[in-house]
Amino acid sequence: MLGLGPLVIIAVVFLFSAIKILREYERGVVFTLGRFDAVKGPGLIIVIPGIQQMTRISLRTMVMDVPPQDVITRDNVTVKVNAVVYCRVMQADNAVLQVENYYYATSQLAQTTLRSVLGKMDLDDLLSNRDKINMELQQILDHSAEPWGVKVSNVEVKNVDLPEGMQRAMAKQAEAERERRAKIIHADGELQASEKLLQAGDVMSRNPTTLQLRYLQTLTEISVDKNSTILFPIPLEFMNIFKQMGKN
């Protein structure tokens, strides 16, 4: 009976070491004598020590931060661009069998793809077409990482850092654009005002009474301002009388 004690202890230790518990978001890639056996989980599974080995794979979405990359755009402007990649493992067996480290491989792929795609674009496109760039990066990364069992669901370009000289040039360009628009608006206002004055002059020339009423209205507006001196404009017809008298 005493000899059974160590055997029972060894059996209990062996059993506990063989029992593995996988969470709902985990899968276990099991190898038997070095050969791929199956993908197991979630829940309670048995892995025979010394004969079988298991690699845990998480199926949750991973947030991968792509460090700033030096990118030379198509118009020869050097910028620093960083991004964030959202991906998850869809096939646990491929994530283990097809690549040594799927997370590191996806990260390096994101860096090289970021430099490659942005290097084909002008600076204006890089700053204005952010959604289009994100979609193109997502499609390329998803297609390249598919053999590894990794699904790239979204890519977002976070920051685009411009050189100081380029920032000053863009600020001057924006200021010049605002001044141009202000001058155009002012010129349009002057044109519309001149057209209205021309129309008013045509109306008054057809009816002298209208001109006389406008003259009286102007006098009323001057008197409201409490001016000490009031100038009365003399009609041109009155001056013509003196010219005619001089000729006679």
Protein backbone atom coordinates (compact mmCIF):
# COMPACT_ATOMS: atom_id res chain seq x y z
CA MET A 1 0.00 0.00 0.00
CA LEU A 2 2.84 2.33 0.79
CA GLY A 3 4.20 1.87 -2.72
CA LEU A 4 1.00 3.20 -4.27
CA GLY A 5 1.35 6.63 -2.68
CA PRO A 6 4.05 8.01 -5.03
CA LEU A 7 2.25 6.56 -8.02
CA VAL A 8 -0.99 8.31 -7.06
CA ILE A 9 0.86 11.59 -6.60
CA ILE A 10 2.55 11.21 -9.99
CA ALA A 11 -0.80 10.38 -11.61
CA VAL A 12 -2.46 13.45 -10.04
CA VAL A 13 0.37 15.75 -11.13
CA PHE A 14 0.28 14.23 -14.62
CA LEU A 15 -3.49 14.76 -14.83
CA PHE A 16 -3.35 18.36 -13.67
CA SER A 17 -0.55 19.15 -16.11
CA ALA A 18 -2.58 17.61 -18.92
CA ILE A 19 -5.68 19.67 -18.24
CA LYS A 20 -5.80 23.00 -20.07
CA ILE A 21 -8.58 25.59 -19.88
CA LEU A 22 -9.07 27.93 -22.79
CA ARG A 23 -11.18 31.08 -22.52
CA GLU A 24 -13.96 31.92 -24.95
CA TYR A 25 -11.68 34.12 -27.07
CA GLU A 26 -8.77 31.62 -27.09
CA ARG A 27 -7.95 28.65 -29.27
CA GLY A 28 -5.26 26.03 -28.79
CA VAL A 29 -3.20 24.74 -31.72
CA VAL A 30 -2.20 21.23 -30.65
CA PHE A 31 0.80 19.30 -32.02
CA THR A 32 1.24 15.56 -31.45
CA LEU A 33 4.87 14.41 -31.68
CA GLY A 34 5.66 17.54 -33.67
CA ARG A 35 2.84 17.15 -36.19
CA PHE A 36 -0.21 19.38 -36.34
CA ASP A 37 -3.14 17.64 -34.73
CA ALA A 38 -6.10 20.00 -34.30
CA VAL A 39 -7.36 23.39 -33.17
CA LYS A 40 -9.14 22.97 -29.84
CA GLY A 41 -11.13 25.14 -27.49
CA PRO A 42 -12.68 26.99 -25.88
CA GLY A 43 -13.22 25.20 -22.57
CA LEU A 44 -11.49 22.20 -21.03
CA ILE A 45 -9.05 20.20 -23.19
CA ILE A 46 -6.50 17.48 -22.51
CA VAL A 47 -2.90 17.83 -23.69
CA ILE A 48 -0.72 14.78 -23.00
CA PRO A 49 2.57 16.00 -21.49
CA GLY A 50 5.69 14.97 -23.40
CA ILE A 51 3.67 13.86 -26.40
CA GLN A 52 1.54 16.86 -27.24
CA GLN A 53 2.27 20.57 -27.21
CA MET A 54 -0.20 23.44 -27.40
CA THR A 55 0.13 27.06 -28.58
CA ARG A 56 -2.46 29.55 -27.34
CA ILE A 57 -3.85 32.02 -29.88
CA SER A 58 -6.12 34.93 -29.00
CA LEU A 59 -8.96 35.73 -31.41
CA ARG A 60 -9.62 39.22 -30.03
CA THR A 61 -9.05 42.34 -32.14
CA MET A 62 -5.52 43.68 -31.74
CA VAL A 63 -4.62 47.36 -31.96
CA MET A 64 -1.25 47.68 -33.66
CA ASP A 65 0.52 51.03 -33.49
CA VAL A 66 2.69 51.68 -36.55
CA PRO A 67 5.64 53.91 -35.53
CA PRO A 68 6.36 57.11 -37.52
CA GLN A 69 7.76 56.39 -40.96
CA ASP A 70 9.84 58.73 -43.13
CA VAL A 71 7.97 59.01 -46.42
CA ILE A 72 9.04 60.89 -49.55
CA THR A 73 5.96 61.86 -51.52
CA ARG A 74 5.77 61.91 -55.31
CA ASP A 75 6.45 65.68 -55.33
CA ASN A 76 9.65 65.15 -53.24
CA VAL A 77 8.38 66.30 -49.84
CA THR A 78 9.68 64.39 -46.80
CA VAL A 79 7.04 63.79 -44.12
CA LYS A 80 6.68 61.60 -41.04
CA VAL A 81 3.52 59.49 -40.99
CA ASN A 82 2.25 57.07 -38.36
CA ALA A 83 -0.85 54.90 -38.34
CA VAL A 84 -2.85 52.41 -36.32
CA VAL A 85 -3.96 48.97 -37.57
CA TYR A 86 -6.89 46.93 -36.26
CA CYS A 87 -6.58 43.20 -36.95
CA ARG A 88 -7.52 39.81 -35.52
CA VAL A 89 -6.70 36.14 -36.05
CA MET A 90 -9.37 34.30 -38.00
CA GLN A 91 -7.55 30.96 -38.51
CA ALA A 92 -5.46 29.94 -35.52
CA ASP A 93 -3.72 27.08 -37.31
CA ASN A 94 -2.42 29.32 -40.12
CA ALA A 95 -1.25 31.92 -37.59
CA VAL A 96 1.04 29.24 -36.13
CA LEU A 97 1.93 27.11 -39.15
CA GLN A 98 2.40 29.76 -41.87
CA VAL A 99 4.42 32.42 -40.04
CA GLU A 100 6.80 32.44 -37.10
CA ASN A 101 5.32 35.50 -35.36
CA TYR A 102 2.13 36.75 -36.96
CA TYR A 103 2.00 39.95 -34.86
CA TYR A 104 5.55 41.00 -35.74
CA ALA A 105 5.05 40.04 -39.39
CA THR A 106 1.86 42.10 -39.65
CA SER A 107 3.56 45.06 -38.00
CA GLN A 108 6.48 45.00 -40.43
CA LEU A 109 4.11 44.57 -43.35
CA ALA A 110 2.13 47.63 -42.22
CA GLN A 111 5.29 49.77 -42.06
CA THR A 112 6.52 48.84 -45.53
CA THR A 113 3.05 49.17 -47.06
CA LEU A 114 2.61 52.60 -45.50
CA ARG A 115 5.84 53.87 -47.06
CA SER A 116 5.06 52.26 -50.41
CA VAL A 117 1.51 53.60 -50.79
CA LEU A 118 2.16 57.12 -49.53
CA GLY A 119 5.30 57.43 -51.65
CA LYS A 120 3.12 57.26 -54.77
CA MET A 121 0.98 60.26 -53.76
CA ASP A 122 1.40 64.02 -53.83
CA LEU A 123 1.38 65.98 -50.60
CA ASP A 124 -2.01 67.54 -51.36
CA ASP A 125 -3.56 64.09 -51.88
CA LEU A 126 -1.98 62.85 -48.66
CA LEU A 127 -3.53 65.71 -46.68
CA SER A 128 -6.96 65.78 -48.32
CA ASN A 129 -7.77 62.17 -49.29
CA ARG A 130 -7.30 60.51 -45.91
CA ASP A 131 -10.29 58.17 -46.24
CA LYS A 132 -9.15 56.93 -49.64
CA ILE A 133 -5.64 56.24 -48.30
CA ASN A 134 -7.01 54.33 -45.30
CA MET A 135 -9.15 52.13 -47.53
CA GLU A 136 -6.27 51.37 -49.89
CA LEU A 137 -3.94 50.48 -47.01
CA GLN A 138 -6.59 48.21 -45.46
CA GLN A 139 -7.16 46.31 -48.71
CA ILE A 140 -3.45 45.75 -49.33
CA LEU A 141 -2.70 44.62 -45.77
CA ASP A 142 -5.75 42.37 -45.61
CA HIS A 143 -4.81 40.64 -48.86
CA SER A 144 -1.17 40.17 -47.81
CA ALA A 145 -1.95 38.89 -44.30
CA GLU A 146 -4.71 36.50 -45.38
CA PRO A 147 -2.34 33.47 -45.79
CA TRP A 148 -1.35 33.94 -42.13
CA GLY A 149 -4.98 33.67 -41.01
CA VAL A 150 -5.01 37.37 -40.02
CA LYS A 151 -7.88 39.69 -40.93
CA VAL A 152 -7.05 43.42 -41.15
CA SER A 153 -10.36 45.19 -40.50
CA ASN A 154 -9.29 48.83 -40.45
CA VAL A 155 -6.29 51.11 -40.95
CA GLU A 156 -6.19 54.75 -39.84
CA VAL A 157 -3.44 57.26 -40.66
CA LYS A 158 -3.00 59.22 -37.43
CA ASN A 159 -0.54 62.08 -37.93
CA VAL A 160 1.28 63.65 -40.86
CA ASP A 161 4.22 65.76 -39.62
CA LEU A 162 5.46 68.32 -42.14
CA PRO A 163 8.84 70.10 -42.12
CA GLU A 164 8.79 73.62 -40.63
CA GLY A 165 9.61 75.22 -43.97
CA MET A 166 6.69 73.45 -45.63
CA GLN A 167 4.36 74.50 -42.80
CA ARG A 168 5.33 78.18 -43.27
CA ALA A 169 4.87 77.91 -47.04
CA MET A 170 1.42 76.35 -46.62
CA ALA A 171 0.44 79.07 -44.12
CA LYS A 172 1.45 81.77 -46.62
CA GLN A 173 -0.44 80.00 -49.37
CA ALA A 174 -3.58 79.81 -47.23
CA GLU A 175 -3.28 83.51 -46.31
CA ALA A 176 -2.87 84.48 -49.97
CA GLU A 177 -5.91 82.38 -50.86
CA ARG A 178 -8.01 84.15 -48.21
CA GLU A 179 -6.90 87.57 -49.49
CA ARG A 180 -7.76 86.56 -53.05
CA ARG A 181 -11.25 85.50 -52.03
CA ALA A 182 -11.78 88.73 -50.06
CA LYS A 183 -10.81 90.84 -53.07
CA ILE A 184 -13.09 88.84 -55.35
CA ILE A 185 -16.01 89.27 -52.94
CA HIS A 186 -15.31 93.02 -52.65
CA ALA A 187 -15.12 93.38 -56.45
CA ASP A 188 -18.40 91.48 -56.86
CA GLY A 189 -20.03 93.82 -54.35
CA GLU A 190 -18.78 96.90 -56.20
CA LEU A 191 -20.06 95.48 -59.50
CA GLN A 192 -23.51 94.76 -58.09
CA ALA A 193 -23.67 98.22 -56.48
CA SER A 194 -22.73 99.93 -59.77
CA GLU A 195 -25.39 97.95 -61.63
CA LYS A 196 -28.02 99.00 -59.09
CA LEU A 197 -26.91 102.65 -59.31
CA LEU A 198 -27.13 102.48 -63.08
CA GLN A 199 -30.66 101.12 -62.88
CA ALA A 200 -31.64 103.82 -60.37
CA GLY A 201 -30.20 106.51 -62.63
CA ASP A 202 -32.21 105.21 -65.58
CA VAL A 203 -35.42 105.30 -63.53
CA MET A 204 -34.78 108.86 -62.28
CA SER A 205 -33.90 110.13 -65.76
CA ARG A 206 -37.32 109.10 -67.04
CA ASN A 207 -39.20 111.06 -64.36
CA PRO A 208 -37.81 114.41 -63.09
CA THR A 209 -40.16 114.25 -60.11
CA THR A 210 -38.31 111.20 -58.82
CA LEU A 211 -35.03 113.13 -58.96
CA GLN A 212 -36.59 116.03 -57.06
CA LEU A 213 -37.90 113.68 -54.36
CA ARG A 214 -34.45 112.13 -53.99
CA TYR A 215 -33.03 115.62 -53.65
CA LEU A 216 -35.47 116.45 -50.84
CA GLN A 217 -34.73 113.14 -49.10
CA THR A 218 -31.01 113.92 -49.15
CA LEU A 219 -31.66 117.30 -47.52
CA THR A 220 -33.74 115.59 -44.82
CA GLU A 221 -30.93 113.10 -44.07
CA ILE A 222 -28.39 115.92 -43.81
CA SER A 223 -30.54 117.91 -41.39
CA VAL A 224 -30.97 114.89 -39.06
CA ASP A 225 -27.21 114.74 -38.40
CA LYS A 226 -27.30 118.23 -36.71
CA ASN A 227 -24.65 119.68 -38.97
CA SER A 228 -23.76 123.33 -38.52
CA THR A 229 -23.20 123.76 -42.25
CA ILE A 230 -25.49 122.45 -44.95
CA LEU A 231 -24.51 122.40 -48.60
CA PHE A 232 -27.32 122.75 -51.13
CA PRO A 233 -26.44 121.20 -54.46
CA ILE A 234 -27.38 123.45 -57.41
CA PRO A 235 -29.05 121.67 -60.32
CA LEU A 236 -27.20 121.80 -63.61
CA GLU A 237 -30.25 123.34 -65.27
CA PHE A 238 -29.88 126.38 -63.02
CA MET A 239 -26.28 126.84 -64.15
CA ASN A 240 -27.36 126.56 -67.78
CA ILE A 241 -29.55 129.65 -67.30
CA PHE A 242 -26.49 131.75 -66.43
CA LYS A 243 -24.57 130.35 -69.41
CA GLN A 244 -27.42 131.30 -71.74
CA MET A 245 -27.56 134.83 -70.26
CA GLY A 246 -23.82 135.22 -70.83
CA LYS A 247 -24.17 134.28 -74.45
CA ASN A 248 -26.99 136.78 -74.99
